[in-house]
Amino acid sequence: MRRVWLVTVSAALVIAVGCGRENYEKRMRTTLENLEYARRLKKNLMDPPGEKKFQDLSIFIRAPKEEALAKTGGLSVGEGQFDLDASFIDAAGSTLHLLARVKMPKKPPTKGAPPPPPAAARGEFVGDVLGVLINNLGSPEGLQAPKFVEERTKKGNTFKRLIFTAGDKEARLYTYKDGNHEVALVFIYDAKLKGPLSSKIDLCLDSFRTGLKATQAYAGANPDEEPESGPPVPL
């Protein structure tokens, strides 16, 4: 009987150690993959913008290298049409335009304060974005009857994509909607830069975050990392 008990306990320990080793190795693989992913982001993308408005609206974005945030948005938009209007531009002429709307909780009126001015008239988000692009880019044919295609990134972001020609340049419009956020990302670039820029655009879309995940990303946390189930098992 004692021998049977020892065999049973020994078998259980072997299984436990085996499972512990497997979990440890899985966590190590995940850590190495995250480090490699972070290296690729650093090599191909800019750091997230430091302007407070991005954090206030919980929008985290890293533009393709070397596209720096311009002082003002590069598109002509109506006053109050969007909550965020920003452009990232590099010396080679590649541009990323960002237009966003975010439903924010209404603040209670201050006692004795005058009523706030009426909100700007807004239409459907994607329709307004298309109108802005048509007015700013010379009414490209590809925007007259747009046919969007759904695209999902490796990290799970889902966009509606539209590729079109704007003059002598190529353009990609990605629209995104999740929770209180509606965002449009417009990449415009010389066609000869399409090859080297494509992987940067993919990483930009993959690392894009809104809401709580954006807040976590600004705080330096990995919003996609699964919480540890326990400390590594010593081997």
Protein backbone atom coordinates (compact mmCIF):
# COMPACT_ATOMS: atom_id res chain seq x y z
CA MET A 1 0.00 0.00 0.00
CA ARG A 2 2.81 2.37 0.94
CA ARG A 3 4.53 1.62 -2.36
CA VAL A 4 1.37 2.39 -4.33
CA TRP A 5 1.03 5.70 -2.46
CA LEU A 6 4.63 6.67 -3.24
CA VAL A 7 4.17 5.84 -6.91
CA THR A 8 0.99 7.94 -7.04
CA VAL A 9 2.63 10.92 -5.32
CA SER A 10 5.71 10.67 -7.55
CA ALA A 11 3.56 10.61 -10.68
CA ALA A 12 1.62 13.67 -9.48
CA LEU A 13 4.87 15.56 -8.83
CA VAL A 14 6.19 14.69 -12.29
CA ILE A 15 2.96 16.00 -13.86
CA ALA A 16 3.05 19.17 -11.73
CA VAL A 17 6.68 19.87 -12.60
CA GLY A 18 5.94 19.18 -16.27
CA CYS A 19 3.00 21.59 -16.27
CA GLY A 20 5.07 24.16 -14.39
CA ARG A 21 7.88 23.90 -16.91
CA GLU A 22 5.41 24.20 -19.81
CA ASN A 23 3.81 27.34 -18.31
CA TYR A 24 7.24 28.83 -17.59
CA GLU A 25 8.43 28.21 -21.14
CA LYS A 26 5.20 29.65 -22.54
CA ARG A 27 5.66 32.84 -20.49
CA MET A 28 9.28 33.07 -21.62
CA ARG A 29 8.24 32.76 -25.28
CA THR A 30 5.60 35.44 -24.77
CA THR A 31 8.16 37.75 -23.11
CA LEU A 32 10.63 37.30 -25.97
CA GLU A 33 7.90 37.89 -28.56
CA ASN A 34 6.84 41.08 -26.78
CA LEU A 35 10.43 42.31 -26.68
CA GLU A 36 10.87 41.63 -30.40
CA TYR A 37 7.57 43.38 -31.15
CA ALA A 38 8.63 46.40 -29.08
CA ARG A 39 11.93 46.49 -31.01
CA ARG A 40 10.08 46.52 -34.34
CA LEU A 41 7.81 49.33 -33.14
CA LYS A 42 10.79 51.42 -32.03
CA LYS A 43 12.57 50.86 -35.33
CA ASN A 44 9.60 51.68 -37.57
CA LEU A 45 7.40 54.10 -35.62
CA MET A 46 7.66 57.41 -33.82
CA ASP A 47 6.98 57.69 -30.11
CA PRO A 48 3.36 58.56 -29.24
CA PRO A 49 2.65 62.31 -29.28
CA GLY A 50 3.21 64.08 -25.98
CA GLU A 51 0.35 66.57 -26.48
CA LYS A 52 -2.21 66.32 -23.68
CA LYS A 53 -5.19 66.33 -26.04
CA PHE A 54 -4.40 62.80 -27.22
CA GLN A 55 -4.36 61.48 -23.67
CA ASP A 56 -7.47 63.46 -22.69
CA LEU A 57 -9.36 61.78 -25.54
CA SER A 58 -7.74 58.37 -24.85
CA ILE A 59 -6.27 58.03 -28.34
CA PHE A 60 -2.87 56.33 -28.58
CA ILE A 61 -1.07 56.41 -31.90
CA ARG A 62 2.47 55.99 -33.16
CA ALA A 63 3.00 57.45 -36.62
CA PRO A 64 5.40 55.91 -39.16
CA LYS A 65 9.03 56.97 -38.79
CA GLU A 66 9.87 60.02 -39.47
CA GLU A 67 6.40 61.57 -39.51
CA ALA A 68 6.36 64.23 -36.80
CA LEU A 69 3.26 65.89 -35.38
CA ALA A 70 2.56 69.22 -37.11
CA LYS A 71 1.54 72.27 -35.08
CA THR A 72 -1.86 72.32 -36.76
CA GLY A 73 -3.94 69.84 -38.73
CA GLY A 74 -3.15 69.75 -42.42
CA LEU A 75 -6.75 69.36 -43.59
CA SER A 76 -9.28 72.14 -43.82
CA VAL A 77 -12.19 71.12 -41.56
CA GLY A 78 -15.24 72.92 -40.23
CA GLU A 79 -15.04 74.41 -36.74
CA GLY A 80 -16.23 71.88 -34.19
CA GLN A 81 -16.61 69.20 -36.86
CA PHE A 82 -14.19 66.87 -35.05
CA ASP A 83 -12.85 66.56 -31.50
CA LEU A 84 -9.34 65.92 -32.77
CA ASP A 85 -7.76 67.05 -36.02
CA ALA A 86 -4.04 66.27 -36.29
CA SER A 87 -1.43 65.63 -38.98
CA PHE A 88 1.96 63.91 -38.93
CA ILE A 89 4.37 64.86 -41.74
CA ASP A 90 7.87 63.83 -42.80
CA ALA A 91 10.45 65.51 -45.04
CA ALA A 92 9.68 63.15 -47.94
CA GLY A 93 6.09 64.37 -48.05
CA SER A 94 4.38 61.35 -46.49
CA THR A 95 1.49 62.38 -44.28
CA LEU A 96 -0.83 60.82 -41.75
CA HIS A 97 -4.01 62.75 -41.01
CA LEU A 98 -6.08 61.83 -37.97
CA LEU A 99 -9.70 62.89 -37.49
CA ALA A 100 -11.65 61.73 -34.44
CA ARG A 101 -14.84 62.11 -32.48
CA VAL A 102 -15.20 60.96 -28.90
CA LYS A 103 -18.40 60.89 -26.88
CA MET A 104 -17.44 62.43 -23.55
CA PRO A 105 -19.64 62.61 -20.43
CA LYS A 106 -21.40 65.94 -20.12
CA LYS A 107 -20.17 68.17 -17.33
CA PRO A 108 -22.86 69.62 -15.06
CA PRO A 109 -23.34 73.37 -15.64
CA THR A 110 -21.65 75.69 -13.18
CA LYS A 111 -24.13 77.57 -11.03
CA GLY A 112 -24.70 81.05 -12.44
CA ALA A 113 -22.60 80.42 -15.57
CA PRO A 114 -24.04 81.36 -18.98
CA PRO A 115 -25.34 78.47 -21.08
CA PRO A 116 -22.72 76.85 -23.33
CA PRO A 117 -22.78 77.71 -27.04
CA PRO A 118 -24.73 75.32 -29.25
CA ALA A 119 -22.73 72.34 -30.52
CA ALA A 120 -21.55 72.40 -34.11
CA ALA A 121 -23.76 70.56 -36.57
CA ARG A 122 -22.31 67.14 -37.35
CA GLY A 123 -23.32 64.51 -39.83
CA GLU A 124 -22.51 60.81 -39.90
CA PHE A 125 -18.80 60.41 -39.11
CA VAL A 126 -17.57 58.55 -42.19
CA GLY A 127 -19.67 60.76 -44.46
CA ASP A 128 -18.13 63.87 -42.92
CA VAL A 129 -14.62 62.41 -43.29
CA LEU A 130 -15.23 61.65 -46.97
CA GLY A 131 -16.55 65.19 -47.47
CA VAL A 132 -13.40 66.67 -45.92
CA LEU A 133 -11.15 64.53 -48.12
CA ILE A 134 -13.09 65.34 -51.27
CA ASN A 135 -12.82 69.07 -50.53
CA ASN A 136 -9.13 68.91 -49.62
CA LEU A 137 -7.82 66.44 -52.21
CA GLY A 138 -9.52 67.68 -55.36
CA SER A 139 -12.45 65.27 -55.39
CA PRO A 140 -10.62 61.99 -56.14
CA GLU A 141 -12.61 59.51 -58.20
CA GLY A 142 -12.04 56.76 -55.63
CA LEU A 143 -14.08 58.72 -53.06
CA GLN A 144 -17.17 59.18 -55.24
CA ALA A 145 -18.53 55.67 -54.70
CA PRO A 146 -16.23 54.28 -52.00
CA LYS A 147 -16.04 50.53 -51.43
CA PHE A 148 -14.53 49.81 -48.04
CA VAL A 149 -12.88 46.49 -47.17
CA GLU A 150 -12.65 45.21 -43.60
CA GLU A 151 -9.12 44.71 -42.31
CA ARG A 152 -8.14 43.17 -38.96
CA THR A 153 -4.64 43.61 -37.53
CA LYS A 154 -2.63 40.97 -35.67
CA LYS A 155 -3.43 42.63 -32.33
CA GLY A 156 -7.15 42.58 -33.07
CA ASN A 157 -7.90 46.12 -34.28
CA THR A 158 -10.64 46.15 -36.93
CA PHE A 159 -10.68 48.88 -39.57
CA LYS A 160 -12.61 49.65 -42.75
CA ARG A 161 -10.01 50.34 -45.47
CA LEU A 162 -10.23 52.32 -48.68
CA ILE A 163 -7.28 52.79 -51.06
CA PHE A 164 -7.49 55.54 -53.69
CA THR A 165 -5.38 57.90 -55.80
CA ALA A 166 -5.15 61.59 -54.91
CA GLY A 167 -3.43 63.49 -57.72
CA ASP A 168 0.04 62.02 -58.12
CA LYS A 169 -0.07 60.29 -54.73
CA GLU A 170 -1.59 57.17 -53.27
CA ALA A 171 -3.86 57.38 -50.23
CA ARG A 172 -5.25 54.92 -47.71
CA LEU A 173 -8.22 55.72 -45.52
CA TYR A 174 -8.85 53.58 -42.44
CA THR A 175 -11.96 54.17 -40.34
CA TYR A 176 -12.29 52.77 -36.83
CA LYS A 177 -15.21 52.63 -34.39
CA ASP A 178 -15.14 51.20 -30.89
CA GLY A 179 -17.18 52.27 -27.89
CA ASN A 180 -17.22 56.07 -27.68
CA HIS A 181 -14.51 56.50 -30.31
CA GLU A 182 -14.76 57.08 -34.05
CA VAL A 183 -11.42 57.66 -35.75
CA ALA A 184 -10.19 58.07 -39.32
CA LEU A 185 -6.54 57.60 -40.28
CA VAL A 186 -5.53 58.89 -43.71
CA PHE A 187 -2.10 57.95 -45.06
CA ILE A 188 -0.97 59.91 -48.14
CA TYR A 189 2.37 59.18 -49.80
CA ASP A 190 4.32 59.05 -53.05
CA ALA A 191 3.63 55.73 -54.80
CA LYS A 192 7.37 54.95 -54.95
CA LEU A 193 7.41 54.86 -51.12
CA LYS A 194 4.63 52.27 -50.95
CA GLY A 195 6.98 49.31 -50.37
CA PRO A 196 9.00 50.56 -47.40
CA LEU A 197 6.00 52.41 -45.94
CA SER A 198 3.52 49.52 -46.02
CA SER A 199 5.04 47.63 -43.06
CA LYS A 200 5.18 50.86 -41.04
CA ILE A 201 1.50 51.52 -41.74
CA ASP A 202 0.66 47.97 -40.65
CA LEU A 203 2.52 48.47 -37.35
CA CYS A 204 0.91 51.88 -36.84
CA LEU A 205 -2.55 50.33 -37.20
CA ASP A 206 -1.60 47.34 -35.05
CA SER A 207 -0.36 49.50 -32.16
CA PHE A 208 -3.30 51.93 -32.33
CA ARG A 209 -5.38 52.05 -29.14
CA THR A 210 -8.42 53.90 -27.75
CA GLY A 211 -10.20 54.00 -24.42
CA LEU A 212 -8.77 52.08 -21.48
CA LYS A 213 -6.13 50.37 -23.64
CA ALA A 214 -4.88 53.79 -24.77
CA THR A 215 -4.64 54.93 -21.14
CA GLN A 216 -2.67 51.79 -20.27
CA ALA A 217 -0.36 52.28 -23.26
CA TYR A 218 0.40 55.88 -22.24
CA ALA A 219 1.17 54.61 -18.74
CA GLY A 220 3.76 52.25 -20.19
CA ALA A 221 1.77 49.05 -19.67
CA ASN A 222 1.16 46.46 -22.36
CA PRO A 223 -2.63 46.49 -22.88
CA ASP A 224 -2.52 43.18 -24.75
CA GLU A 225 -0.46 41.23 -22.22
CA GLU A 226 -2.31 38.52 -20.32
CA PRO A 227 -1.99 38.74 -16.53
CA GLU A 228 0.35 36.24 -15.00
CA SER A 229 -1.38 33.24 -13.42
CA GLY A 230 1.44 32.92 -10.89
CA PRO A 231 5.17 33.33 -10.35
CA PRO A 232 7.57 31.42 -12.60
CA VAL A 233 8.14 27.86 -11.46
CA PRO A 234 11.76 27.31 -10.39
CA LEU A 235 13.53 24.61 -12.40
